[in-house]
Amino acid sequence: MGFLKRFFKSVFHENEMGHIANSFEHLSEEQLEAHLDVGSYNGFELTEAVRPSFDLKVVPTQGFRRETYRDEQTGSTVPVLMGSATRSNLFDTFMDLLDPLGTEVDVVLESSHHHDASQNGDLYREHIDLPVLKSILWDYEDLLLNDGCTGIAVLNPHHPLEVQFDEHKLLIVYGNALKPFEEAFIDRDVYPSPGMKFITEAEHVHSSSQQYQQQFDELRMRLGMDENYS
């Protein structure tokens, strides 16, 4: 089995392989390996979790932009901030974004480690003190930064405010009172960039490993979450 097939076999779910492989299968193993080995673009450091498409239709950059999420069922809209930060700045920025949520939060862990889509899902923990949560998350910085199959969301249990650190290692904030989160971005040199594009807006590849799946299970247990996916 060549490097290309090994890569797709170990990283992608079966229902994703056809779409992704069509974008990369014309590459030689040397071309693909060289592309995956690129760790930065124009000074922006990538994590190990995700790589952009070979044609670089979107080149990752640092910044954030304002969006509006529209619920198709209710028709309601929610302001959104979407941000991206270089690896050396990313986890600190995520931690700072949690502070405006309040002293007690709810947590959702998101996983796509299982090849069986029916086993993928979210795990919930309600009412955890934010300092306790932060202490636990610092212990799993490597997992949260570098695993392309792990995401986390932290919510205010009383008001519609949510911070996501998703599988693409983007920082996404939902809510009506977003000024403190904008300030948190700017304090970390992540500035407004209305025209920026994110890696999710073009083809890209995720990376994970069995070691990260084991660490995910450890984090789940540390947070006191049920092992059954919802």
Protein backbone atom coordinates (compact mmCIF):
# COMPACT_ATOMS: atom_id res chain seq x y z
CA MET A 1 0.00 0.00 0.00
CA GLY A 2 1.48 3.36 -1.06
CA PHE A 3 1.75 6.43 1.16
CA LEU A 4 -1.31 8.05 -0.42
CA LYS A 5 -3.58 5.07 0.22
CA ARG A 6 -2.16 4.60 3.73
CA PHE A 7 -2.82 8.27 4.48
CA PHE A 8 -6.43 8.20 3.34
CA LYS A 9 -7.06 4.82 4.97
CA SER A 10 -5.82 6.00 8.36
CA VAL A 11 -7.27 9.52 8.34
CA PHE A 12 -10.58 9.62 6.48
CA HIS A 13 -13.95 8.08 7.09
CA GLU A 14 -15.13 5.86 4.27
CA ASN A 15 -17.91 8.21 3.21
CA GLU A 16 -15.39 11.06 2.82
CA MET A 17 -12.72 9.23 0.86
CA GLY A 18 -14.22 9.53 -2.60
CA HIS A 19 -14.58 13.30 -2.44
CA ILE A 20 -11.18 13.96 -0.88
CA ALA A 21 -9.19 11.40 -2.84
CA ASN A 22 -10.35 12.93 -6.14
CA SER A 23 -8.55 16.12 -5.20
CA PHE A 24 -5.25 14.43 -4.33
CA GLU A 25 -5.03 11.14 -6.21
CA HIS A 26 -3.26 12.67 -9.22
CA LEU A 27 -0.30 13.54 -6.99
CA SER A 28 2.74 11.36 -6.63
CA GLU A 29 3.55 10.10 -3.16
CA GLU A 30 6.49 12.50 -3.08
CA GLN A 31 4.28 15.48 -3.96
CA LEU A 32 1.69 14.59 -1.35
CA GLU A 33 4.26 13.95 1.35
CA ALA A 34 5.98 17.25 0.59
CA HIS A 35 2.64 19.09 0.79
CA LEU A 36 1.71 17.49 4.11
CA ASP A 37 5.15 18.32 5.52
CA VAL A 38 4.67 22.07 4.99
CA GLY A 39 4.23 23.52 8.47
CA SER A 40 3.71 27.21 7.74
CA TYR A 41 2.60 29.66 5.06
CA ASN A 42 3.85 33.26 5.09
CA GLY A 43 4.70 32.95 8.77
CA PHE A 44 1.37 31.38 9.76
CA GLU A 45 2.14 28.15 11.64
CA LEU A 46 -0.17 25.20 11.09
CA THR A 47 -1.08 22.64 13.72
CA GLU A 48 -0.82 18.95 12.83
CA ALA A 49 -4.62 18.63 12.67
CA VAL A 50 -5.36 19.86 9.15
CA ARG A 51 -3.70 20.80 5.88
CA PRO A 52 -5.05 22.97 3.04
CA SER A 53 -5.68 21.68 -0.46
CA PHE A 54 -2.72 21.10 -2.74
CA ASP A 55 -3.71 24.00 -5.01
CA LEU A 56 -3.85 26.36 -1.99
CA LYS A 57 -7.14 27.95 -2.95
CA VAL A 58 -7.19 29.14 0.67
CA VAL A 59 -3.90 30.02 2.36
CA PRO A 60 -4.35 30.07 6.16
CA THR A 61 -3.86 33.46 7.80
CA GLN A 62 -4.38 35.01 11.24
CA GLY A 63 -7.43 37.18 11.85
CA PHE A 64 -11.17 37.10 12.47
CA ARG A 65 -14.28 38.16 10.63
CA ARG A 66 -17.86 38.84 11.63
CA GLU A 67 -20.63 36.62 10.31
CA THR A 68 -24.31 35.96 10.96
CA TYR A 69 -25.70 32.49 11.58
CA ARG A 70 -29.27 31.95 10.41
CA ASP A 71 -31.36 29.13 11.83
CA GLU A 72 -33.25 27.69 8.87
CA GLN A 73 -36.01 26.27 11.07
CA THR A 74 -36.79 29.32 13.19
CA GLY A 75 -35.50 32.07 10.91
CA SER A 76 -33.66 33.66 13.82
CA THR A 77 -30.16 35.06 13.38
CA VAL A 78 -27.16 35.06 15.73
CA PRO A 79 -23.98 37.15 15.35
CA VAL A 80 -20.82 35.08 14.91
CA LEU A 81 -17.08 35.70 15.09
CA MET A 82 -14.86 33.30 13.15
CA GLY A 83 -11.15 33.42 13.86
CA SER A 84 -7.88 31.74 12.99
CA ALA A 85 -4.57 32.07 14.83
CA THR A 86 -1.05 30.84 14.23
CA ARG A 87 -0.15 27.73 16.22
CA SER A 88 2.03 29.46 18.82
CA ASN A 89 -0.83 31.86 19.59
CA LEU A 90 -3.81 29.57 19.09
CA PHE A 91 -4.35 27.83 22.42
CA ASP A 92 -3.74 30.97 24.47
CA THR A 93 -6.30 32.79 22.33
CA PHE A 94 -8.83 30.00 22.86
CA MET A 95 -8.30 30.14 26.63
CA ASP A 96 -8.73 33.92 26.68
CA LEU A 97 -11.98 33.64 24.72
CA LEU A 98 -13.44 31.49 27.51
CA ASP A 99 -13.20 34.21 30.15
CA PRO A 100 -16.20 36.30 28.99
CA LEU A 101 -18.43 33.20 29.28
CA GLY A 102 -18.55 33.50 33.07
CA THR A 103 -17.30 31.53 36.05
CA GLU A 104 -19.46 28.44 35.44
CA VAL A 105 -19.91 26.84 32.02
CA ASP A 106 -21.20 23.83 30.13
CA VAL A 107 -18.85 21.80 27.91
CA VAL A 108 -19.39 19.77 24.75
CA LEU A 109 -16.70 17.45 23.37
CA GLU A 110 -16.99 16.64 19.67
CA SER A 111 -15.40 13.56 18.10
CA SER A 112 -15.16 12.05 14.63
CA HIS A 113 -12.61 9.36 15.52
CA HIS A 114 -14.91 6.45 14.75
CA HIS A 115 -15.17 5.25 11.16
CA ASP A 116 -18.79 4.31 11.84
CA ALA A 117 -20.64 7.62 11.53
CA SER A 118 -23.33 6.33 13.90
CA GLN A 119 -20.74 6.37 16.70
CA ASN A 120 -19.72 9.97 16.11
CA GLY A 121 -21.37 12.58 18.25
CA ASP A 122 -21.17 14.99 21.13
CA LEU A 123 -20.51 14.45 24.82
CA TYR A 124 -21.90 16.86 27.41
CA ARG A 125 -20.84 18.08 30.83
CA GLU A 126 -22.99 20.66 32.58
CA HIS A 127 -21.99 23.16 35.26
CA ILE A 128 -18.22 23.06 35.63
CA ASP A 129 -16.21 25.90 37.16
CA LEU A 130 -14.24 27.65 34.44
CA PRO A 131 -10.89 27.59 36.34
CA VAL A 132 -11.28 23.82 36.81
CA LEU A 133 -12.08 23.33 33.13
CA LYS A 134 -9.10 25.43 32.05
CA SER A 135 -6.76 23.44 34.27
CA ILE A 136 -7.94 20.20 32.67
CA LEU A 137 -7.73 21.57 29.13
CA TRP A 138 -4.15 22.74 29.63
CA ASP A 139 -3.24 19.10 30.30
CA TYR A 140 -4.64 18.21 26.86
CA GLU A 141 -3.26 21.12 24.85
CA ASP A 142 -1.51 18.78 22.40
CA LEU A 143 -4.72 16.84 21.69
CA LEU A 144 -6.86 19.94 21.23
CA LEU A 145 -4.30 21.63 18.98
CA ASN A 146 -3.16 18.74 16.82
CA ASP A 147 -5.97 16.19 16.52
CA GLY A 148 -8.08 16.71 13.43
CA CYS A 149 -10.90 14.61 14.89
CA THR A 150 -11.40 16.48 18.18
CA GLY A 151 -13.37 19.65 18.81
CA ILE A 152 -14.73 21.36 21.90
CA ALA A 153 -17.44 23.90 22.64
CA VAL A 154 -17.85 25.85 25.88
CA LEU A 155 -21.16 27.54 26.65
CA ASN A 156 -22.64 29.95 29.13
CA PRO A 157 -25.46 27.93 30.77
CA HIS A 158 -27.68 30.98 31.33
CA HIS A 159 -27.21 33.14 28.22
CA PRO A 160 -26.80 32.28 24.51
CA LEU A 161 -23.00 32.54 24.35
CA GLU A 162 -20.75 29.80 22.97
CA VAL A 163 -17.07 29.41 22.06
CA GLN A 164 -16.05 26.60 19.71
CA PHE A 165 -12.55 25.29 19.04
CA ASP A 166 -13.39 22.96 16.20
CA GLU A 167 -11.69 20.08 14.36
CA HIS A 168 -10.22 22.56 11.85
CA LYS A 169 -8.70 24.53 14.74
CA LEU A 170 -10.85 27.54 14.00
CA LEU A 171 -12.17 29.70 16.83
CA ILE A 172 -15.89 30.42 16.52
CA VAL A 173 -17.97 32.54 18.90
CA TYR A 174 -21.79 32.68 18.84
CA GLY A 175 -23.88 35.20 20.75
CA ASN A 176 -25.35 38.68 20.84
CA ALA A 177 -22.79 40.31 23.16
CA LEU A 178 -19.56 39.75 21.22
CA LYS A 179 -17.57 42.88 22.11
CA PRO A 180 -15.55 41.19 24.92
CA PHE A 181 -14.63 38.37 22.53
CA GLU A 182 -13.49 40.81 19.85
CA GLU A 183 -11.30 42.46 22.47
CA ALA A 184 -9.88 39.06 23.47
CA PHE A 185 -8.96 38.38 19.84
CA ILE A 186 -7.31 41.77 19.42
CA ASP A 187 -5.39 41.44 22.69
CA ARG A 188 -3.77 38.36 21.12
CA ASP A 189 -2.94 40.21 17.88
CA VAL A 190 -5.80 38.53 16.02
CA TYR A 191 -7.32 41.46 14.15
CA PRO A 192 -10.51 41.98 12.12
CA SER A 193 -10.06 40.91 8.50
CA PRO A 194 -13.45 41.04 6.74
CA GLY A 195 -12.24 39.48 3.49
CA MET A 196 -10.24 36.61 4.93
CA LYS A 197 -10.96 33.02 3.95
CA PHE A 198 -10.83 29.99 6.21
CA ILE A 199 -9.48 26.53 5.50
CA THR A 200 -13.03 25.14 5.60
CA GLU A 201 -13.91 27.16 2.50
CA ALA A 202 -11.83 24.91 0.24
CA GLU A 203 -10.79 21.27 0.17
CA HIS A 204 -8.56 20.23 3.04
CA VAL A 205 -7.36 17.13 4.86
CA HIS A 206 -7.57 16.12 8.52
CA SER A 207 -5.07 14.05 10.47
CA SER A 208 -5.48 11.96 13.62
CA SER A 209 -4.03 8.88 15.29
CA GLN A 210 -4.93 6.11 17.70
CA GLN A 211 -2.87 7.90 20.34
CA TYR A 212 -5.09 10.96 20.04
CA GLN A 213 -8.21 8.82 20.24
CA GLN A 214 -6.89 7.40 23.51
CA GLN A 215 -6.16 10.90 24.80
CA PHE A 216 -9.68 11.96 23.82
CA ASP A 217 -11.08 9.12 25.94
CA GLU A 218 -8.89 10.23 28.85
CA LEU A 219 -10.13 13.80 28.52
CA ARG A 220 -13.71 12.56 28.41
CA MET A 221 -13.18 10.71 31.68
CA ARG A 222 -11.44 13.68 33.30
CA LEU A 223 -14.48 15.78 32.46
CA GLY A 224 -16.85 13.17 33.88
CA MET A 225 -18.65 12.57 30.60
CA ASP A 226 -20.64 9.47 29.75
CA GLU A 227 -18.90 7.15 27.30
CA ASN A 228 -21.99 6.79 25.09
CA TYR A 229 -22.12 9.23 22.21
CA SER A 230 -25.36 11.08 21.69
